[in-house]
Every structure is written in structure tokens, then in C-alpha cells.
Protein backbone atom coordinates (compact mmCIF):
# COMPACT_ATOMS: atom_id res chain seq x y z
CA MET A 1 74.02 86.91 86.12
CA GLN A 2 72.38 90.35 86.28
CA GLY A 3 71.83 92.82 88.86
CA PHE A 4 73.80 95.07 91.67
CA LEU A 5 76.67 94.71 93.86
CA ASN A 6 77.30 96.90 96.64
CA LEU A 7 80.93 96.98 96.88
CA ASN A 8 82.76 98.77 99.61
CA LYS A 9 86.04 100.00 97.83
CA PRO A 10 88.90 99.74 99.49
CA PHE A 11 91.50 102.63 99.99
CA GLY A 12 93.89 103.32 97.23
CA ILE A 13 92.33 101.98 94.01
CA THR A 14 90.29 103.71 91.51
CA SER A 15 86.80 102.63 90.83
CA HIS A 16 87.99 101.57 86.94
CA ASP A 17 90.29 99.37 88.90
CA CYS A 18 87.23 98.02 90.93
CA VAL A 19 84.98 97.54 87.67
CA ALA A 20 88.08 95.11 85.93
CA ARG A 21 88.28 93.07 89.40
CA VAL A 22 84.79 92.28 89.64
CA ARG A 23 84.93 91.69 86.23
CA ARG A 24 87.26 89.14 86.50
CA LEU A 25 85.86 87.05 89.90
CA LEU A 26 82.56 86.96 88.37
CA ARG A 27 84.22 85.71 85.06
CA LEU A 28 81.67 88.61 83.18
CA LYS A 29 82.60 91.30 80.56
CA ARG A 30 79.22 93.44 81.05
CA VAL A 31 80.06 95.58 84.28
CA GLY A 32 80.01 98.74 85.38
CA HIS A 33 79.50 101.43 88.06
CA GLY A 34 77.47 104.29 89.62
CA GLY A 35 78.92 107.60 90.67
CA THR A 36 83.07 107.33 90.76
CA LEU A 37 85.11 107.01 93.74
CA ASP A 38 88.56 108.89 93.99
CA PRO A 39 91.24 106.47 94.62
CA ALA A 40 91.67 108.04 98.38
CA ALA A 41 88.11 107.35 99.13
CA THR A 42 86.21 104.37 100.32
CA GLY A 43 82.89 103.21 100.79
CA VAL A 44 80.08 102.51 98.61
CA LEU A 45 79.99 101.81 95.16
CA PRO A 46 76.94 100.99 93.12
CA ILE A 47 78.59 97.98 90.64
CA ALA A 48 75.81 96.96 88.02
CA LEU A 49 76.20 93.54 86.01
CA GLY A 50 75.58 91.98 82.88
CA LYS A 51 72.14 93.77 81.81
CA ALA A 52 71.82 96.03 84.66
CA THR A 53 74.55 98.37 83.29
CA ARG A 54 71.50 99.52 81.27
CA LEU A 55 69.80 100.63 84.21
CA LEU A 56 72.49 103.11 85.81
CA GLN A 57 70.93 106.15 84.48
CA TYR A 58 67.73 105.48 86.43
CA LEU A 59 69.52 104.95 89.99
CA GLN A 60 68.70 107.27 92.97
CA PRO A 61 70.97 110.17 92.07
CA ASP A 62 71.33 111.51 96.08
CA LYS A 63 74.84 110.37 97.92
CA ALA A 64 75.83 110.73 101.60
CA TYR A 65 79.35 111.13 102.70
CA GLN A 66 81.78 110.80 105.69
CA ALA A 67 84.74 113.41 105.35
CA THR A 68 87.41 114.82 107.40
CA ILE A 69 88.52 118.27 106.52
CA ARG A 70 91.69 119.37 107.75
CA LEU A 71 92.64 123.14 107.99
CA GLY A 72 95.00 125.00 107.62
CA LEU A 73 96.55 123.46 104.31
CA ILE A 74 95.67 123.88 100.82
CA THR A 75 97.04 121.71 98.35
CA THR A 76 96.85 121.13 94.43
CA THR A 77 94.39 118.21 94.53
CA ASP A 78 92.39 119.73 97.84
CA ASP A 79 92.93 116.39 99.36
CA LEU A 80 96.00 114.77 101.01
CA GLN A 81 96.98 113.19 97.66
CA GLY A 82 97.96 116.63 96.58
CA GLU A 83 101.15 118.65 96.56
CA ILE A 84 100.94 121.20 99.76
CA LEU A 85 100.75 125.08 98.27
CA THR A 86 100.32 126.35 101.21
CA SER A 87 100.63 125.54 105.07
CA GLN A 88 99.64 127.88 108.07
CA SER A 89 98.84 127.47 111.82
CA VAL A 90 95.41 128.13 112.79
CA THR A 91 95.29 126.98 116.80
CA GLY A 92 92.85 130.37 117.30
CA LEU A 93 89.86 128.60 115.21
CA THR A 94 87.33 127.83 117.29
CA LEU A 95 84.17 125.56 116.59
CA GLU A 96 81.74 127.99 116.25
CA GLU A 97 83.35 129.56 113.61
CA VAL A 98 83.47 126.35 111.62
CA LYS A 99 79.62 125.48 112.12
CA ALA A 100 78.57 128.97 110.81
CA ALA A 101 80.87 128.95 107.88
CA LEU A 102 79.03 125.42 107.04
CA LYS A 103 75.81 126.50 107.29
CA GLN A 104 77.05 128.78 103.74
CA PHE A 105 77.41 125.29 102.17
CA GLU A 106 73.69 124.12 102.92
CA GLY A 107 71.09 124.05 99.97
CA LYS A 108 71.85 124.69 96.31
CA ILE A 109 74.84 126.35 95.57
CA GLN A 110 77.52 127.34 92.82
CA GLN A 111 80.26 124.89 93.14
CA VAL A 112 83.68 124.99 91.25
CA PRO A 113 84.65 121.47 90.59
CA PRO A 114 88.27 120.70 91.57
CA ASN A 115 91.08 120.95 88.94
CA TYR A 116 91.60 117.16 89.51
CA SER A 117 88.54 115.84 88.28
CA ALA A 118 86.82 113.90 85.89
CA ILE A 119 84.90 116.62 84.28
CA GLN A 120 85.68 116.94 80.39
CA VAL A 121 86.52 120.06 79.11
CA GLN A 122 87.21 120.86 75.25
CA GLY A 123 87.39 116.55 75.17
CA LYS A 124 89.93 116.20 77.35
CA ARG A 125 89.56 115.25 81.72
CA LEU A 126 90.29 118.00 83.72
CA TYR A 127 92.99 116.14 85.81
CA ASP A 128 95.01 115.24 82.67
CA LEU A 129 95.00 118.66 81.72
CA ALA A 130 95.76 119.83 85.29
CA ARG A 131 98.93 117.28 84.90
CA ALA A 132 99.91 118.49 81.43
CA GLY A 133 100.65 121.78 83.53
CA GLU A 134 97.52 123.22 81.77
CA LYS A 135 95.47 126.25 83.21
CA ILE A 136 91.70 125.93 82.74
CA GLU A 137 89.41 128.11 84.00
CA VAL A 138 86.63 126.05 85.00
CA SER A 139 82.76 127.45 85.69
CA ALA A 140 80.59 126.70 88.46
CA ARG A 141 77.84 124.78 88.61
CA PRO A 142 74.72 124.79 90.41
CA VAL A 143 74.69 121.81 92.96
CA GLU A 144 72.94 121.09 96.00
CA VAL A 145 74.04 120.02 99.63
CA HIS A 146 70.76 118.79 101.20
CA LYS A 147 72.57 118.60 105.37
CA ILE A 148 75.88 119.06 106.88
CA GLU A 149 76.35 117.49 110.05
CA ILE A 150 79.35 117.89 112.57
CA LEU A 151 80.39 114.88 113.96
CA ALA A 152 83.55 115.72 115.53
CA TRP A 153 86.43 118.67 116.06
CA ARG A 154 89.51 118.40 116.98
CA THR A 155 91.80 121.34 117.78
CA GLY A 156 95.83 122.23 117.20
CA GLU A 157 98.04 123.67 114.57
CA PHE A 158 96.34 122.04 112.03
CA PRO A 159 92.34 121.46 113.25
CA GLU A 160 90.15 118.87 111.66
CA VAL A 161 86.53 118.44 111.49
CA ASP A 162 84.37 115.37 110.97
CA VAL A 163 81.21 116.31 109.16
CA ALA A 164 78.50 113.79 107.35
CA ILE A 165 77.09 115.25 104.15
CA ALA A 166 74.20 114.34 102.16
CA CYS A 167 73.95 115.87 99.10
CA GLY A 168 72.93 115.32 95.27
CA PRO A 169 74.78 114.46 92.04
CA GLY A 170 78.09 116.17 91.28
CA THR A 171 78.76 117.67 94.50
CA TYR A 172 82.61 117.72 95.19
CA ILE A 173 82.93 116.99 98.55
CA ARG A 174 86.61 117.97 98.36
CA ALA A 175 85.73 121.32 96.76
CA ILE A 176 83.65 121.65 99.88
CA ALA A 177 86.73 121.56 101.98
CA ARG A 178 88.50 123.69 99.77
CA ASP A 179 86.05 126.52 99.66
CA LEU A 180 85.09 126.27 103.50
CA GLY A 181 89.15 126.89 104.00
CA ALA A 182 88.87 129.92 101.80
CA LEU A 183 85.49 131.16 103.59
CA LEU A 184 87.28 131.05 106.94
CA LYS A 185 90.87 132.29 105.15
CA THR A 186 92.89 129.27 106.75
CA GLY A 187 92.91 127.07 103.77
CA GLY A 188 91.48 123.69 104.00
CA THR A 189 91.81 120.23 102.65
CA LEU A 190 90.29 116.94 102.41
CA ALA A 191 91.66 114.35 104.64
CA ALA A 192 89.66 111.38 104.42
CA LEU A 193 86.31 110.70 102.75
CA ILE A 194 84.05 107.67 103.13
CA ARG A 195 80.87 107.10 101.03
CA THR A 196 78.39 105.71 103.20
CA GLU A 197 75.32 106.18 101.00
CA SER A 198 74.78 105.94 97.17
CA CYS A 199 72.11 104.86 94.57
CA GLY A 200 69.86 103.67 96.99
CA LEU A 201 72.69 101.49 99.04
CA ASN A 202 74.22 102.12 102.20
CA LEU A 203 77.51 100.89 103.86
CA SER A 204 75.69 98.94 106.10
CA ASP A 205 75.04 96.42 103.39
CA SER A 206 77.91 96.04 101.20
CA LEU A 207 80.75 93.86 100.27
CA THR A 208 84.47 94.04 100.73
CA PHE A 209 86.30 92.05 98.21
CA GLU A 210 87.01 89.92 100.66
CA GLU A 211 83.68 89.17 101.67
CA LEU A 212 82.47 88.79 97.68
CA GLU A 213 85.43 86.64 97.42
CA GLN A 214 84.31 84.13 99.91
CA GLN A 215 80.78 84.07 98.71
CA LEU A 216 81.65 83.26 95.57
CA GLN A 217 83.48 80.72 97.01
CA GLN A 218 80.98 78.97 98.93
CA GLU A 219 78.44 79.92 96.14
CA THR A 220 76.20 81.96 98.24
CA PHE A 221 76.50 85.24 96.57
CA ASN A 222 73.85 86.99 95.06
CA PRO A 223 73.38 90.05 93.15
CA ILE A 224 70.74 92.04 94.12
CA PRO A 225 68.04 92.49 91.98
CA PRO A 226 67.74 94.90 89.15
CA ALA A 227 64.32 96.18 90.41
CA ALA A 228 64.98 96.06 93.73
CA ALA A 229 67.24 99.22 93.11
CA LEU A 230 64.69 101.43 91.38
CA GLU A 231 62.57 101.44 94.31
CA HIS A 232 62.38 105.18 94.19
CA LEU A 233 60.45 104.90 90.96
CA ALA A 234 56.95 104.69 90.58
CA ALA A 235 55.15 100.92 89.21
CA VAL A 236 52.94 100.32 86.48
CA THR A 237 51.23 96.75 86.11
CA LEU A 238 50.34 95.81 82.38
CA PRO A 239 48.13 93.40 81.19
CA ALA A 240 49.43 90.61 79.61
CA LYS A 241 48.69 91.91 75.90
CA ASP A 242 49.72 95.68 76.74
CA ALA A 243 52.47 93.96 78.09
CA LYS A 244 53.81 92.28 75.15
CA ALA A 245 53.12 95.56 73.08
CA TRP A 246 55.11 97.79 75.18
CA CYS A 247 58.06 95.45 75.13
CA GLN A 248 57.87 95.87 71.07
CA GLY A 249 58.28 99.26 71.84
CA GLN A 250 54.55 100.89 70.75
CA ARG A 251 53.14 103.41 73.27
CA ILE A 252 50.37 102.30 75.74
CA PRO A 253 47.69 104.27 76.85
CA LEU A 254 46.73 104.33 81.03
CA SER A 255 43.34 102.25 80.83
CA PRO A 256 41.07 101.64 83.55
CA LEU A 257 42.84 97.91 82.98
CA THR A 258 46.05 99.13 84.02
CA SER A 259 47.00 99.93 87.94
CA PRO A 260 48.02 103.58 88.35
CA PRO A 261 51.75 104.57 89.39
CA SER A 262 51.66 102.68 93.00
CA THR A 263 54.39 104.87 94.69
CA GLY A 264 56.93 107.96 93.80
CA GLY A 265 57.18 110.17 90.85
CA ASN A 266 57.30 109.94 87.22
CA GLU A 267 60.78 111.81 87.71
CA GLY A 268 63.29 109.44 86.25
CA GLY A 269 61.02 106.82 84.74
CA LEU A 270 58.13 104.27 85.92
CA ARG A 271 59.43 100.69 86.28
CA ILE A 272 56.91 98.59 84.35
CA TYR A 273 55.92 94.81 85.60
CA ASP A 274 53.48 91.79 83.85
CA GLU A 275 50.84 90.59 85.53
CA ASP A 276 53.20 87.97 87.03
CA LYS A 277 55.06 90.73 88.56
CA ARG A 278 58.04 90.59 86.05
CA PHE A 279 60.35 93.52 86.06
CA LEU A 280 59.82 94.40 82.11
CA GLY A 281 62.15 98.07 82.30
CA ILE A 282 61.69 102.03 82.47
CA ALA A 283 58.91 103.80 80.56
CA SER A 284 57.91 107.52 80.24
CA LEU A 285 54.73 108.79 80.93
CA VAL A 286 53.38 111.46 78.48
CA HIS A 287 49.90 113.16 77.81
CA SER A 288 48.88 113.17 74.03
CA ASN A 289 45.51 114.79 73.83
CA ALA A 290 43.23 113.19 76.25
CA ASP A 291 45.37 110.46 77.27
CA LEU A 292 48.37 109.33 79.01
CA LEU A 293 50.85 107.14 77.17
CA LEU A 294 53.59 104.87 78.56
CA ILE A 295 56.54 104.99 76.13
CA PRO A 296 59.07 102.34 76.60
CA GLN A 297 62.75 104.23 77.79
CA MET A 298 64.48 100.91 78.22
CA VAL A 299 63.23 97.23 77.76
CA PHE A 300 64.81 94.90 80.19
CA GLU A 301 63.13 92.04 79.71
CA PRO A 302 61.42 91.87 76.31
CA ILE A 303 58.18 89.64 75.67
């Protein structure tokens, strides 16, 4: 079995727990995930099965979320799972103020990751250092937030705003909640998070564990084909002789007999197919003197 599973991750378990459960259900050793979700977050968790684990690095990097940000609170983890550090009533806050502040988080921004995150510092995870009581200064990192849309606004002692966020890789929604509260001088924390899109997979097409188990019992489960999750990459079809040579690690010049890249760009690699439309793997396209060469990055199906 090889391909991808669009899993709707449940609340309260880690992404690693999800991988272990899928491994048991499918009786498959090689299982991996694309993009960690916190235990309190739900939604799309791309799962790679079998040889498709080698393709995780080539999946579409952008993600989308629906988040609830609660204002008036600051916690140790920047979400409701942490210890409350400060709490203040902010009944005078208006939606217009929140809208204006959120605009400052769109585009290319510098973001400091939460103290409780999986980022490694000096060979250790930040959350391990935080739990040990060590205070580590983490540098801001560049991330990109494509769009923030306000979905709902609820007033009260601790007002909440629901937002839809489309962003690039490495963006922490907890950090946006924290920094929004700092900008408004109210404090802010993440109250709920659903990932609606990841690696080109959508929440509407995802499977819960219960649905996966039912399909397995009925023998109707079919993984997403490996190449179907890579359609954001341009594709090249090789004639039989070149396809075999490419699978053996040789560099192949693009020639009039070779189909040019059909869609997308060369960023992240090119999908390689043979004349029978079989997906062979991923190549990079480089200039060498006057030639364009296809260089194997990952051979998925050797000939």
C-alpha cells in the first residue's frame, strides 16, 4: 500500500499518536505525516503510506486554518492548554480595533515561535526546554501570511474573534494570537484551531479514524495516489529509453522528443512520467552549457 491519507485529526492526541494508530490499522511499517498539529488542534493531517513517505518533502507547503482567538488572557503555551499568566477584562474593545490590528499580520512578517513548540534549539525541542524551566531566547523567523479573514466576533469580558488564515510553512497560529493580544495591549491566546487545508488536501475530503476503520472493514479504502498529491509540480514525460536511464540515475537532456513541463514551475521539482503515464519520481531541471538537464532527485518507481 502506498499513497496518502487525508486524515481528520481528532482533538487531544498528538500527530505522532495518529501515525502510530494508522500504522496499526493498516498493518504498515512505513507511515509518516506532513506538518505537525498540536494535540488541541483538529483537522487536516496528511499521512504518507509506504514509499510515499519519501514524497512528503515535495508536497505543497501552504496551509489554511480556522482559529478562535480569545483576548484578555496570556498563557504559558499561547493556547488554553497552558497555565494562565495574566487575565484582564477587555469589555471596551471594538471589532474595528481588532480588524485594524489583524491587518498588520498579513504579508511577509517576522514571527517568534511559541516557547512550547517543536523547533530545535541546541539539539533540543523548545517544549522540552520550556518544561524543564529553561528560558531560551528564540530569534524571530520570516513567515508569510497570505490572508486573514474575520468570520465572527463575540463581545464580553474575554472577547473572541474567529478568523480564517491562509499562510505559508512555518507559521504558528498560536503566535499570531499571542502577538495580536500584545498589539492590542490586552493579551491574547488561541482558544481553538482547525486546519482546513494542508499539502493540497482539504478538510471536506478528509477521513476521521472512524470512517477509515469502516472503509477498511468494508475493503473500500483507497489511498490518494502519490502523483495526485503532487499536481502543483510541473510534469515531464520521457520516452522509454530516457525513462529507464533516468531511473538508473542518469542526467537526461531535454530534447524535442521530450514533453516540456506541462504545468506549474520547477520550484520544488518536476514530476517524471514514462510513456505509459506511470509516475517515476521527482527531478530537478538545471542548465548545463546550452542544455537543460533532468537530474533525478527521488526515483519512486525504478524501471
